[in-house]
Amino acid sequence: MEKRRFSRITLQMAAKLTVGEKMYSFNAVDNLSIGGCSLNIEADVPEESECRLWIPLDSTNPGLGIDVSGVILRCSDDSLGIRFDTITPESLFHLQNLIRYNAPDPDRIDVEITQHPGLK
């Protein structure tokens, strides 16, 4: 039985993760959902660390992107999981649309957004 509330997609777009003073760059985001994501990374990041994820949406407009704050839920040898906690309404709008347009079932995403309008 599926316990996840939100559908996931793999996103082949650049992203940057900031944890404390360290910044990590990625070419893809795994299991991206409205509530969090997974990243393939080899790093020693303590669980419960606060973090910030930036996904740029337009290379010609560096200020346009998804900016979300969260917490590291798990960190293993090659990946970490993030729960999103804080997002602006504009970034949430972009995140929802990004997932909707990349999901195999956009109608299901619309239902999830309607049932869970925020992050939690």
PDB file of N, CA and C in Angstrom:
ATOM      1  N   MET A   1       0.829  -1.177   0.000  1.00  0.00           N
ATOM      2  CA  MET A   1       0.000   0.000   0.000  1.00  0.00           C
ATOM      3  C   MET A   1       0.879   1.247   0.000  1.00  0.00           C
ATOM      4  N   GLU A   2       0.603   2.174  -0.903  1.00  0.00           N
ATOM      5  CA  GLU A   2       1.357   3.407  -1.032  1.00  0.00           C
ATOM      6  C   GLU A   2       0.999   4.369   0.095  1.00  0.00           C
ATOM      7  N   LYS A   3       2.010   4.814   0.842  1.00  0.00           N
ATOM      8  CA  LYS A   3       1.784   5.740   1.951  1.00  0.00           C
ATOM      9  C   LYS A   3       2.074   7.181   1.554  1.00  0.00           C
ATOM     10  N   ARG A   4       2.714   7.388   0.443  1.00  0.00           N
ATOM     11  CA  ARG A   4       3.062   8.736   0.012  1.00  0.00           C
ATOM     12  C   ARG A   4       1.816   9.495  -0.431  1.00  0.00           C
ATOM     13  N   ARG A   5       1.771  10.776  -0.066  1.00  0.00           N
ATOM     14  CA  ARG A   5       0.630  11.608  -0.444  1.00  0.00           C
ATOM     15  C   ARG A   5       0.807  12.250  -1.809  1.00  0.00           C
ATOM     16  N   PHE A   6       2.041  12.375  -2.269  1.00  0.00           N
ATOM     17  CA  PHE A   6       2.312  13.087  -3.502  1.00  0.00           C
ATOM     18  C   PHE A   6       3.040  12.192  -4.505  1.00  0.00           C
ATOM     19  N   SER A   7       2.676  12.337  -5.768  1.00  0.00           N
ATOM     20  CA  SER A   7       3.368  11.632  -6.842  1.00  0.00           C
ATOM     21  C   SER A   7       4.781  12.180  -6.977  1.00  0.00           C
ATOM     22  N   ARG A   8       5.672  11.356  -7.502  1.00  0.00           N
ATOM     23  CA  ARG A   8       7.066  11.743  -7.689  1.00  0.00           C
ATOM     24  C   ARG A   8       7.446  11.711  -9.157  1.00  0.00           C
ATOM     25  N   ILE A   9       8.389  12.596  -9.504  1.00  0.00           N
ATOM     26  CA  ILE A   9       8.961  12.594 -10.846  1.00  0.00           C
ATOM     27  C   ILE A   9      10.476  12.681 -10.713  1.00  0.00           C
ATOM     28  N   THR A  10      11.179  12.279 -11.754  1.00  0.00           N
ATOM     29  CA  THR A  10      12.613  12.548 -11.848  1.00  0.00           C
ATOM     30  C   THR A  10      12.753  13.727 -12.774  1.00  0.00           C
ATOM     31  N   LEU A  11      13.491  14.709 -12.336  1.00  0.00           N
ATOM     32  CA  LEU A  11      13.615  15.959 -13.068  1.00  0.00           C
ATOM     33  C   LEU A  11      15.041  16.104 -13.573  1.00  0.00           C
ATOM     34  N   GLN A  12      15.208  16.156 -14.882  1.00  0.00           N
ATOM     35  CA  GLN A  12      16.528  16.320 -15.483  1.00  0.00           C
ATOM     36  C   GLN A  12      16.823  17.805 -15.661  1.00  0.00           C
ATOM     37  N   MET A  13      16.887  18.508 -14.538  1.00  0.00           N
ATOM     38  CA  MET A  13      17.214  19.932 -14.536  1.00  0.00           C
ATOM     39  C   MET A  13      18.240  20.185 -13.445  1.00  0.00           C
ATOM     40  N   ALA A  14      18.987  21.246 -13.627  1.00  0.00           N
ATOM     41  CA  ALA A  14      19.990  21.618 -12.631  1.00  0.00           C
ATOM     42  C   ALA A  14      19.321  22.049 -11.335  1.00  0.00           C
ATOM     43  N   ALA A  15      20.022  21.847 -10.239  1.00  0.00           N
ATOM     44  CA  ALA A  15      19.545  22.286  -8.929  1.00  0.00           C
ATOM     45  C   ALA A  15      20.752  22.529  -8.034  1.00  0.00           C
ATOM     46  N   LYS A  16      20.538  23.362  -7.017  1.00  0.00           N
ATOM     47  CA  LYS A  16      21.589  23.627  -6.036  1.00  0.00           C
ATOM     48  C   LYS A  16      21.001  23.437  -4.649  1.00  0.00           C
ATOM     49  N   LEU A  17      21.763  22.731  -3.817  1.00  0.00           N
ATOM     50  CA  LEU A  17      21.378  22.496  -2.437  1.00  0.00           C
ATOM     51  C   LEU A  17      22.382  23.184  -1.531  1.00  0.00           C
ATOM     52  N   THR A  18      21.869  23.949  -0.570  1.00  0.00           N
ATOM     53  CA  THR A  18      22.722  24.601   0.413  1.00  0.00           C
ATOM     54  C   THR A  18      22.403  24.028   1.781  1.00  0.00           C
ATOM     55  N   VAL A  19      23.446  23.525   2.443  1.00  0.00           N
ATOM     56  CA  VAL A  19      23.333  23.020   3.814  1.00  0.00           C
ATOM     57  C   VAL A  19      24.420  23.727   4.614  1.00  0.00           C
ATOM     58  N   GLY A  20      24.009  24.604   5.522  1.00  0.00           N
ATOM     59  CA  GLY A  20      24.993  25.395   6.253  1.00  0.00           C
ATOM     60  C   GLY A  20      25.780  26.259   5.284  1.00  0.00           C
ATOM     61  N   GLU A  21      27.087  26.137   5.315  1.00  0.00           N
ATOM     62  CA  GLU A  21      27.963  26.921   4.436  1.00  0.00           C
ATOM     63  C   GLU A  21      28.311  26.189   3.138  1.00  0.00           C
ATOM     64  N   LYS A  22      27.874  24.935   2.991  1.00  0.00           N
ATOM     65  CA  LYS A  22      28.228  24.143   1.815  1.00  0.00           C
ATOM     66  C   LYS A  22      27.126  24.199   0.767  1.00  0.00           C
ATOM     67  N   MET A  23      27.556  24.268  -0.503  1.00  0.00           N
ATOM     68  CA  MET A  23      26.617  24.242  -1.617  1.00  0.00           C
ATOM     69  C   MET A  23      26.971  23.072  -2.530  1.00  0.00           C
ATOM     70  N   TYR A  24      25.952  22.338  -2.946  1.00  0.00           N
ATOM     71  CA  TYR A  24      26.104  21.186  -3.823  1.00  0.00           C
ATOM     72  C   TYR A  24      25.304  21.455  -5.095  1.00  0.00           C
ATOM     73  N   SER A  25      25.869  21.085  -6.244  1.00  0.00           N
ATOM     74  CA  SER A  25      25.182  21.251  -7.522  1.00  0.00           C
ATOM     75  C   SER A  25      24.816  19.887  -8.091  1.00  0.00           C
ATOM     76  N   PHE A  26      23.670  19.841  -8.772  1.00  0.00           N
ATOM     77  CA  PHE A  26      23.140  18.598  -9.332  1.00  0.00           C
ATOM     78  C   PHE A  26      22.651  18.834 -10.747  1.00  0.00           C
ATOM     79  N   ASN A  27      22.651  17.769 -11.542  1.00  0.00           N
ATOM     80  CA  ASN A  27      22.091  17.821 -12.883  1.00  0.00           C
ATOM     81  C   ASN A  27      20.690  17.228 -12.936  1.00  0.00           C
ATOM     82  N   ALA A  28      20.270  16.568 -11.863  1.00  0.00           N
ATOM     83  CA  ALA A  28      18.949  15.943 -11.826  1.00  0.00           C
ATOM     84  C   ALA A  28      18.473  15.858 -10.381  1.00  0.00           C
ATOM     85  N   VAL A  29      17.162  15.882 -10.217  1.00  0.00           N
ATOM     86  CA  VAL A  29      16.525  15.728  -8.921  1.00  0.00           C
ATOM     87  C   VAL A  29      15.676  14.466  -8.990  1.00  0.00           C
ATOM     88  N   ASP A  30      15.931  13.522  -8.092  1.00  0.00           N
ATOM     89  CA  ASP A  30      15.180  12.267  -8.074  1.00  0.00           C
ATOM     90  C   ASP A  30      13.977  12.395  -7.155  1.00  0.00           C
ATOM     91  N   ASN A  31      12.929  11.710  -7.510  1.00  0.00           N
ATOM     92  CA  ASN A  31      11.747  11.632  -6.648  1.00  0.00           C
ATOM     93  C   ASN A  31      11.271  12.996  -6.162  1.00  0.00           C
ATOM     94  N   LEU A  32      11.191  13.945  -7.066  1.00  0.00           N
ATOM     95  CA  LEU A  32      10.691  15.267  -6.719  1.00  0.00           C
ATOM     96  C   LEU A  32       9.178  15.205  -6.561  1.00  0.00           C
ATOM     97  N   SER A  33       8.702  15.751  -5.452  1.00  0.00           N
ATOM     98  CA  SER A  33       7.265  15.855  -5.212  1.00  0.00           C
ATOM     99  C   SER A  33       6.988  17.217  -4.605  1.00  0.00           C
ATOM    100  N   ILE A  34       5.746  17.497  -4.363  1.00  0.00           N
ATOM    101  CA  ILE A  34       5.385  18.756  -3.721  1.00  0.00           C
ATOM    102  C   ILE A  34       5.878  18.780  -2.282  1.00  0.00           C
ATOM    103  N   GLY A  35       6.075  17.625  -1.683  1.00  0.00           N
ATOM    104  CA  GLY A  35       6.481  17.550  -0.288  1.00  0.00           C
ATOM    105  C   GLY A  35       7.956  17.337  -0.023  1.00  0.00           C
ATOM    106  N   GLY A  36       8.758  17.046  -1.067  1.00  0.00           N
ATOM    107  CA  GLY A  36      10.170  16.797  -0.841  1.00  0.00           C
ATOM    108  C   GLY A  36      10.842  16.201  -2.059  1.00  0.00           C
ATOM    109  N   CYS A  37      12.075  15.730  -1.867  1.00  0.00           N
ATOM    110  CA  CYS A  37      12.806  15.129  -2.979  1.00  0.00           C
ATOM    111  C   CYS A  37      13.948  14.273  -2.452  1.00  0.00           C
ATOM    112  N   SER A  38      14.570  13.583  -3.368  1.00  0.00           N
ATOM    113  CA  SER A  38      15.765  12.800  -3.102  1.00  0.00           C
ATOM    114  C   SER A  38      16.832  13.277  -4.071  1.00  0.00           C
ATOM    115  N   LEU A  39      18.067  13.339  -3.605  1.00  0.00           N
ATOM    116  CA  LEU A  39      19.186  13.761  -4.441  1.00  0.00           C
ATOM    117  C   LEU A  39      20.296  12.734  -4.358  1.00  0.00           C
ATOM    118  N   ASN A  40      20.903  12.423  -5.503  1.00  0.00           N
ATOM    119  CA  ASN A  40      22.063  11.541  -5.518  1.00  0.00           C
ATOM    120  C   ASN A  40      23.281  12.372  -5.169  1.00  0.00           C
ATOM    121  N   ILE A  41      23.855  12.072  -4.028  1.00  0.00           N
ATOM    122  CA  ILE A  41      24.975  12.864  -3.533  1.00  0.00           C
ATOM    123  C   ILE A  41      25.823  12.006  -2.606  1.00  0.00           C
ATOM    124  N   GLU A  42      27.120  12.207  -2.666  1.00  0.00           N
ATOM    125  CA  GLU A  42      28.024  11.590  -1.701  1.00  0.00           C
ATOM    126  C   GLU A  42      28.484  12.695  -0.766  1.00  0.00           C
ATOM    127  N   ALA A  43      27.815  12.806   0.356  1.00  0.00           N
ATOM    128  CA  ALA A  43      28.141  13.848   1.331  1.00  0.00           C
ATOM    129  C   ALA A  43      27.768  13.356   2.716  1.00  0.00           C
ATOM    130  N   ASP A  44      28.445  13.886   3.673  1.00  0.00           N
ATOM    131  CA  ASP A  44      28.143  13.566   5.059  1.00  0.00           C
ATOM    132  C   ASP A  44      27.358  14.745   5.632  1.00  0.00           C
ATOM    133  N   VAL A  45      26.044  14.657   5.508  1.00  0.00           N
ATOM    134  CA  VAL A  45      25.158  15.724   5.961  1.00  0.00           C
ATOM    135  C   VAL A  45      24.333  15.177   7.120  1.00  0.00           C
ATOM    136  N   PRO A  46      24.387  15.812   8.273  1.00  0.00           N
ATOM    137  CA  PRO A  46      23.628  15.304   9.422  1.00  0.00           C
ATOM    138  C   PRO A  46      22.123  15.362   9.177  1.00  0.00           C
ATOM    139  N   GLU A  47      21.433  14.307   9.585  1.00  0.00           N
ATOM    140  CA  GLU A  47      19.974  14.320   9.513  1.00  0.00           C
ATOM    141  C   GLU A  47      19.445  15.445  10.381  1.00  0.00           C
ATOM    142  N   GLU A  48      18.312  15.971  10.007  1.00  0.00           N
ATOM    143  CA  GLU A  48      17.654  17.101  10.677  1.00  0.00           C
ATOM    144  C   GLU A  48      18.334  18.440  10.394  1.00  0.00           C
ATOM    145  N   SER A  49      19.340  18.448   9.501  1.00  0.00           N
ATOM    146  CA  SER A  49      19.952  19.716   9.105  1.00  0.00           C
ATOM    147  C   SER A  49      18.971  20.506   8.251  1.00  0.00           C
ATOM    148  N   GLU A  50      18.927  21.814   8.478  1.00  0.00           N
ATOM    149  CA  GLU A  50      18.120  22.666   7.628  1.00  0.00           C
ATOM    150  C   GLU A  50      18.858  22.856   6.307  1.00  0.00           C
ATOM    151  N   CYS A  51      18.088  22.975   5.236  1.00  0.00           N
ATOM    152  CA  CYS A  51      18.688  23.120   3.919  1.00  0.00           C
ATOM    153  C   CYS A  51      17.800  23.994   3.039  1.00  0.00           C
ATOM    154  N   ARG A  52      18.364  24.351   1.896  1.00  0.00           N
ATOM    155  CA  ARG A  52      17.622  25.157   0.928  1.00  0.00           C
ATOM    156  C   ARG A  52      17.916  24.607  -0.460  1.00  0.00           C
ATOM    157  N   LEU A  53      16.854  24.380  -1.226  1.00  0.00           N
ATOM    158  CA  LEU A  53      16.993  23.862  -2.582  1.00  0.00           C
ATOM    159  C   LEU A  53      16.568  24.944  -3.562  1.00  0.00           C
ATOM    160  N   TRP A  54      17.379  25.145  -4.588  1.00  0.00           N
ATOM    161  CA  TRP A  54      17.084  26.101  -5.648  1.00  0.00           C
ATOM    162  C   TRP A  54      17.069  25.357  -6.970  1.00  0.00           C
ATOM    163  N   ILE A  55      15.952  25.451  -7.700  1.00  0.00           N
ATOM    164  CA  ILE A  55      15.826  24.870  -9.031  1.00  0.00           C
ATOM    165  C   ILE A  55      15.570  26.018  -9.999  1.00  0.00           C
ATOM    166  N   PRO A  56      16.587  26.422 -10.778  1.00  0.00           N
ATOM    167  CA  PRO A  56      16.373  27.516 -11.734  1.00  0.00           C
ATOM    168  C   PRO A  56      15.471  27.059 -12.876  1.00  0.00           C
ATOM    169  N   LEU A  57      14.592  27.949 -13.311  1.00  0.00           N
ATOM    170  CA  LEU A  57      13.643  27.596 -14.359  1.00  0.00           C
ATOM    171  C   LEU A  57      13.959  28.219 -15.711  1.00  0.00           C
ATOM    172  N   ASP A  58      14.783  29.256 -15.729  1.00  0.00           N
ATOM    173  CA  ASP A  58      15.074  29.961 -16.976  1.00  0.00           C
ATOM    174  C   ASP A  58      16.504  30.480 -16.927  1.00  0.00           C
ATOM    175  N   SER A  59      17.355  29.960 -17.799  1.00  0.00           N
ATOM    176  CA  SER A  59      18.770  30.351 -17.785  1.00  0.00           C
ATOM    177  C   SER A  59      18.963  31.820 -18.164  1.00  0.00           C
ATOM    178  N   THR A  60      17.999  32.429 -18.836  1.00  0.00           N
ATOM    179  CA  THR A  60      18.122  33.837 -19.206  1.00  0.00           C
ATOM    180  C   THR A  60      17.601  34.772 -18.119  1.00  0.00           C
ATOM    181  N   ASN A  61      16.922  34.213 -17.114  1.00  0.00           N
ATOM    182  CA  ASN A  61      16.397  35.002 -15.999  1.00  0.00           C
ATOM    183  C   ASN A  61      16.835  34.325 -14.706  1.00  0.00           C
ATOM    184  N   PRO A  62      18.008  34.699 -14.168  1.00  0.00           N
ATOM    185  CA  PRO A  62      18.553  33.982 -13.013  1.00  0.00           C
ATOM    186  C   PRO A  62      17.695  34.069 -11.754  1.00  0.00           C
ATOM    187  N   GLY A  63      16.752  34.988 -11.688  1.00  0.00           N
ATOM    188  CA  GLY A  63      15.897  35.098 -10.509  1.00  0.00           C
ATOM    189  C   GLY A  63      14.656  34.240 -10.564  1.00  0.00           C
ATOM    190  N   LEU A  64      14.408  33.600 -11.708  1.00  0.00           N
ATOM    191  CA  LEU A  64      13.202  32.784 -11.853  1.00  0.00           C
ATOM    192  C   LEU A  64      13.515  31.332 -11.514  1.00  0.00           C
ATOM    193  N   GLY A  65      12.893  30.838 -10.462  1.00  0.00           N
ATOM    194  CA  GLY A  65      13.136  29.455 -10.070  1.00  0.00           C
ATOM    195  C   GLY A  65      12.309  29.069  -8.867  1.00  0.00           C
ATOM    196  N   ILE A  66      12.539  27.877  -8.425  1.00  0.00           N
ATOM    197  CA  ILE A  66      11.855  27.329  -7.255  1.00  0.00           C
ATOM    198  C   ILE A  66      12.834  27.388  -6.098  1.00  0.00           C
ATOM    199  N   ASP A  67      12.442  28.088  -5.048  1.00  0.00           N
ATOM    200  CA  ASP A  67      13.268  28.271  -3.867  1.00  0.00           C
ATOM    201  C   ASP A  67      12.491  27.683  -2.690  1.00  0.00           C
ATOM    202  N   VAL A  68      13.018  26.615  -2.117  1.00  0.00           N
ATOM    203  CA  VAL A  68      12.302  25.933  -1.042  1.00  0.00           C
ATOM    204  C   VAL A  68      13.268  25.566   0.079  1.00  0.00           C
ATOM    205  N   SER A  69      12.814  25.747   1.309  1.00  0.00           N
ATOM    206  CA  SER A  69      13.596  25.364   2.480  1.00  0.00           C
ATOM    207  C   SER A  69      13.048  24.067   3.044  1.00  0.00           C
ATOM    208  N   GLY A  70      13.938  23.279   3.624  1.00  0.00           N
ATOM    209  CA  GLY A  70      13.507  22.006   4.166  1.00  0.00           C
ATOM    210  C   GLY A  70      14.464  21.456   5.191  1.00  0.00           C
ATOM    211  N   VAL A  71      14.300  20.164   5.452  1.00  0.00           N
ATOM    212  CA  VAL A  71      15.098  19.454   6.447  1.00  0.00           C
ATOM    213  C   VAL A  71      15.584  18.149   5.826  1.00  0.00           C
ATOM    214  N   ILE A  72      16.839  17.803   6.092  1.00  0.00           N
ATOM    215  CA  ILE A  72      17.388  16.523   5.643  1.00  0.00           C
ATOM    216  C   ILE A  72      16.775  15.428   6.513  1.00  0.00           C
ATOM    217  N   LEU A  73      16.034  14.509   5.877  1.00  0.00           N
ATOM    218  CA  LEU A  73      15.415  13.402   6.612  1.00  0.00           C
ATOM    219  C   LEU A  73      16.314  12.197   6.714  1.00  0.00           C
ATOM    220  N   ARG A  74      17.089  11.966   5.649  1.00  0.00           N
ATOM    221  CA  ARG A  74      17.987  10.815   5.651  1.00  0.00           C
ATOM    222  C   ARG A  74      19.189  11.137   4.781  1.00  0.00           C
ATOM    223  N   CYS A  75      20.310  10.528   5.141  1.00  0.00           N
ATOM    224  CA  CYS A  75      21.524  10.693   4.359  1.00  0.00           C
ATOM    225  C   CYS A  75      22.251   9.356   4.376  1.00  0.00           C
ATOM    226  N   SER A  76      22.414   8.755   3.199  1.00  0.00           N
ATOM    227  CA  SER A  76      23.140   7.499   3.089  1.00  0.00           C
ATOM    228  C   SER A  76      24.417   7.749   2.295  1.00  0.00           C
ATOM    229  N   ASP A  77      25.094   6.684   1.914  1.00  0.00           N
ATOM    230  CA  ASP A  77      26.359   6.822   1.198  1.00  0.00           C
ATOM    231  C   ASP A  77      26.220   7.548  -0.134  1.00  0.00           C
ATOM    232  N   ASP A  78      25.079   7.409  -0.799  1.00  0.00           N
ATOM    233  CA  ASP A  78      24.966   7.970  -2.141  1.00  0.00           C
ATOM    234  C   ASP A  78      23.712   8.805  -2.390  1.00  0.00           C
ATOM    235  N   SER A  79      22.920   9.081  -1.361  1.00  0.00           N
ATOM    236  CA  SER A  79      21.739   9.918  -1.574  1.00  0.00           C
ATOM    237  C   SER A  79      21.273  10.535  -0.263  1.00  0.00           C
ATOM    238  N   LEU A  80      20.453  11.556  -0.408  1.00  0.00           N
ATOM    239  CA  LEU A  80      19.817  12.123   0.770  1.00  0.00           C
ATOM    240  C   LEU A  80      18.386  12.484   0.435  1.00  0.00           C
ATOM    241  N   GLY A  81      17.554  12.491   1.454  1.00  0.00           N
ATOM    242  CA  GLY A  81      16.148  12.811   1.297  1.00  0.00           C
ATOM    243  C   GLY A  81      15.828  14.103   2.022  1.00  0.00           C
ATOM    244  N   ILE A  82      15.017  14.924   1.383  1.00  0.00           N
ATOM    245  CA  ILE A  82      14.659  16.228   1.938  1.00  0.00           C
ATOM    246  C   ILE A  82      13.141  16.324   2.060  1.00  0.00           C
ATOM    247  N   ARG A  83      12.692  16.849   3.198  1.00  0.00           N
ATOM    248  CA  ARG A  83      11.277  17.202   3.370  1.00  0.00           C
ATOM    249  C   ARG A  83      11.188  18.709   3.225  1.00  0.00           C
ATOM    250  N   PHE A  84      10.330  19.168   2.323  1.00  0.00           N
ATOM    251  CA  PHE A  84      10.140  20.597   2.132  1.00  0.00           C
ATOM    252  C   PHE A  84       9.257  21.136   3.246  1.00  0.00           C
ATOM    253  N   ASP A  85       9.673  22.273   3.828  1.00  0.00           N
ATOM    254  CA  ASP A  85       8.921  22.884   4.922  1.00  0.00           C
ATOM    255  C   ASP A  85       8.385  24.264   4.593  1.00  0.00           C
ATOM    256  N   THR A  86       9.167  25.082   3.884  1.00  0.00           N
ATOM    257  CA  THR A  86       8.791  26.464   3.640  1.00  0.00           C
ATOM    258  C   THR A  86       9.007  26.806   2.176  1.00  0.00           C
ATOM    259  N   ILE A  87       7.973  27.415   1.578  1.00  0.00           N
ATOM    260  CA  ILE A  87       8.053  27.800   0.178  1.00  0.00           C
ATOM    261  C   ILE A  87       7.153  29.016  -0.033  1.00  0.00           C
ATOM    262  N   THR A  88       7.576  29.914  -0.899  1.00  0.00           N
ATOM    263  CA  THR A  88       6.737  31.075  -1.210  1.00  0.00           C
ATOM    264  C   THR A  88       5.583  30.630  -2.112  1.00  0.00           C
ATOM    265  N   PRO A  89       4.505  31.375  -2.135  1.00  0.00           N
ATOM    266  CA  PRO A  89       3.394  31.019  -3.038  1.00  0.00           C
ATOM    267  C   PRO A  89       3.834  30.942  -4.500  1.00  0.00           C
ATOM    268  N   GLU A  90       4.714  31.848  -4.933  1.00  0.00           N
ATOM    269  CA  GLU A  90       5.188  31.821  -6.315  1.00  0.00           C
ATOM    270  C   GLU A  90       5.989  30.547  -6.605  1.00  0.00           C
ATOM    271  N   SER A  91       6.894  30.180  -5.694  1.00  0.00           N
ATOM    272  CA  SER A  91       7.679  28.958  -5.891  1.00  0.00           C
ATOM    273  C   SER A  91       6.797  27.717  -5.834  1.00  0.00           C
ATOM    274  N   LEU A  92       5.802  27.712  -4.960  1.00  0.00           N
ATOM    275  CA  LEU A  92       4.868  26.583  -4.893  1.00  0.00           C
ATOM    276  C   LEU A  92       4.116  26.444  -6.203  1.00  0.00           C
ATOM    277  N   PHE A  93       3.674  27.558  -6.768  1.00  0.00           N
ATOM    278  CA  PHE A  93       2.991  27.545  -8.067  1.00  0.00           C
ATOM    279  C   PHE A  93       3.891  26.920  -9.131  1.00  0.00           C
ATOM    280  N   HIS A  94       5.164  27.353  -9.180  1.00  0.00           N
ATOM    281  CA  HIS A  94       6.111  26.813 -10.166  1.00  0.00           C
ATOM    282  C   HIS A  94       6.374  25.321  -9.922  1.00  0.00           C
ATOM    283  N   LEU A  95       6.521  24.929  -8.659  1.00  0.00           N
ATOM    284  CA  LEU A  95       6.771  23.525  -8.319  1.00  0.00           C
ATOM    285  C   LEU A  95       5.593  22.653  -8.751  1.00  0.00           C
ATOM    286  N   GLN A  96       4.383  23.100  -8.442  1.00  0.00           N
ATOM    287  CA  GLN A  96       3.193  22.340  -8.831  1.00  0.00           C
ATOM    288  C   GLN A  96       3.123  22.185 -10.346  1.00  0.00           C
ATOM    289  N   ASN A  97       3.366  23.265 -11.073  1.00  0.00           N
ATOM    290  CA  ASN A  97       3.315  23.192 -12.535  1.00  0.00           C
ATOM    291  C   ASN A  97       4.426  22.323 -13.103  1.00  0.00           C
ATOM    292  N   LEU A  98       5.619  22.422 -12.543  1.00  0.00           N
ATOM    293  CA  LEU A  98       6.735  21.601 -13.006  1.00  0.00           C
ATOM    294  C   LEU A  98       6.410  20.114 -12.847  1.00  0.00           C
ATOM    295  N   ILE A  99       5.861  19.756 -11.713  1.00  0.00           N
ATOM    296  CA  ILE A  99       5.496  18.355 -11.482  1.00  0.00           C
ATOM    297  C   ILE A  99       4.333  17.955 -12.376  1.00  0.00           C
ATOM    298  N   ARG A 100       3.331  18.813 -12.476  1.00  0.00           N
ATOM    299  CA  ARG A 100       2.158  18.524 -13.315  1.00  0.00           C
ATOM    300  C   ARG A 100       2.581  18.249 -14.761  1.00  0.00           C
ATOM    301  N   TYR A 101       3.439  19.086 -15.314  1.00  0.00           N
ATOM    302  CA  TYR A 101       3.810  18.955 -16.728  1.00  0.00           C
ATOM    303  C   TYR A 101       4.813  17.843 -16.998  1.00  0.00           C
ATOM    304  N   ASN A 102       5.437  17.312 -15.960  1.00  0.00           N
ATOM    305  CA  ASN A 102       6.391  16.219 -16.141  1.00  0.00           C
ATOM    306  C   ASN A 102       5.870  14.882 -15.630  1.00  0.00           C
ATOM    307  N   ALA A 103       4.691  14.864 -15.067  1.00  0.00           N
ATOM    308  CA  ALA A 103       4.115  13.633 -14.515  1.00  0.00           C
ATOM    309  C   ALA A 103       3.417  12.824 -15.610  1.00  0.00           C
ATOM    310  N   PRO A 104       3.443  11.506 -15.473  1.00  0.00           N
ATOM    311  CA  PRO A 104       2.732  10.679 -16.445  1.00  0.00           C
ATOM    312  C   PRO A 104       1.212  10.831 -16.340  1.00  0.00           C
ATOM    313  N   ASP A 105       0.707  11.266 -15.189  1.00  0.00           N
ATOM    314  CA  ASP A 105      -0.732  11.435 -14.988  1.00  0.00           C
ATOM    315  C   ASP A 105      -1.014  12.814 -14.382  1.00  0.00           C
ATOM    316  N   PRO A 106      -1.063  13.864 -15.217  1.00  0.00           N
ATOM    317  CA  PRO A 106      -1.282  15.217 -14.705  1.00  0.00           C
ATOM    318  C   PRO A 106      -2.599  15.374 -13.941  1.00  0.00           C
ATOM    319  N   ASP A 107      -3.618  14.609 -14.310  1.00  0.00           N
ATOM    320  CA  ASP A 107      -4.894  14.702 -13.597  1.00  0.00           C
ATOM    321  C   ASP A 107      -4.743  14.276 -12.140  1.00  0.00           C
ATOM    322  N   ARG A 108      -3.916  13.262 -11.899  1.00  0.00           N
ATOM    323  CA  ARG A 108      -3.677  12.824 -10.521  1.00  0.00           C
ATOM    324  C   ARG A 108      -2.987  13.936  -9.721  1.00  0.00           C
ATOM    325  N   ILE A 109      -2.073  14.649 -10.368  1.00  0.00           N
ATOM    326  CA  ILE A 109      -1.381  15.758  -9.707  1.00  0.00           C
ATOM    327  C   ILE A 109      -2.389  16.834  -9.327  1.00  0.00           C
ATOM    328  N   ASP A 110      -3.323  17.132 -10.212  1.00  0.00           N
ATOM    329  CA  ASP A 110      -4.358  18.124  -9.901  1.00  0.00           C
ATOM    330  C   ASP A 110      -5.169  17.719  -8.673  1.00  0.00           C
ATOM    331  N   VAL A 111      -5.491  16.446  -8.556  1.00  0.00           N
ATOM    332  CA  VAL A 111      -6.231  15.956  -7.385  1.00  0.00           C
ATOM    333  C   VAL A 111      -5.376  16.118  -6.126  1.00  0.00           C
ATOM    334  N   GLU A 112      -4.109  15.755  -6.197  1.00  0.00           N
ATOM    335  CA  GLU A 112      -3.211  15.888  -5.039  1.00  0.00           C
ATOM    336  C   GLU A 112      -3.088  17.340  -4.596  1.00  0.00           C
ATOM    337  N   ILE A 113      -2.976  18.258  -5.552  1.00  0.00           N
ATOM    338  CA  ILE A 113      -2.858  19.676  -5.232  1.00  0.00           C
ATOM    339  C   ILE A 113      -4.142  20.176  -4.559  1.00  0.00           C
ATOM    340  N   THR A 114      -5.272  19.738  -5.056  1.00  0.00           N
ATOM    341  CA  THR A 114      -6.554  20.138  -4.476  1.00  0.00           C
ATOM    342  C   THR A 114      -6.709  19.599  -3.061  1.00  0.00           C
ATOM    343  N   GLN A 115      -6.299  18.360  -2.843  1.00  0.00           N
ATOM    344  CA  GLN A 115      -6.447  17.732  -1.525  1.00  0.00           C
ATOM    345  C   GLN A 115      -5.424  18.254  -0.513  1.00  0.00           C
ATOM    346  N   HIS A 116      -4.255  18.650  -0.977  1.00  0.00           N
ATOM    347  CA  HIS A 116      -3.173  19.108  -0.099  1.00  0.00           C
ATOM    348  C   HIS A 116      -2.601  20.404  -0.669  1.00  0.00           C
ATOM    349  N   PRO A 117      -3.258  21.545  -0.451  1.00  0.00           N
ATOM    350  CA  PRO A 117      -2.810  22.783  -1.076  1.00  0.00           C
ATOM    351  C   PRO A 117      -1.466  23.310  -0.576  1.00  0.00           C
ATOM    352  N   GLY A 118      -1.013  22.896   0.614  1.00  0.00           N
ATOM    353  CA  GLY A 118       0.277  23.321   1.149  1.00  0.00           C
ATOM    354  C   GLY A 118       1.297  22.212   1.059  1.00  0.00           C
ATOM    355  N   LEU A 119       2.373  22.364   1.768  1.00  0.00           N
ATOM    356  CA  LEU A 119       3.434  21.366   1.735  1.00  0.00           C
ATOM    357  C   LEU A 119       3.149  20.160   2.610  1.00  0.00           C
ATOM    358  N   LYS A 120       2.454  20.329   3.711  1.00  0.00           N
ATOM    359  CA  LYS A 120       2.305  19.236   4.651  1.00  0.00           C
ATOM    360  C   LYS A 120       1.006  18.567   4.534  1.00  0.00           C
TER     361      LYS A 120
END
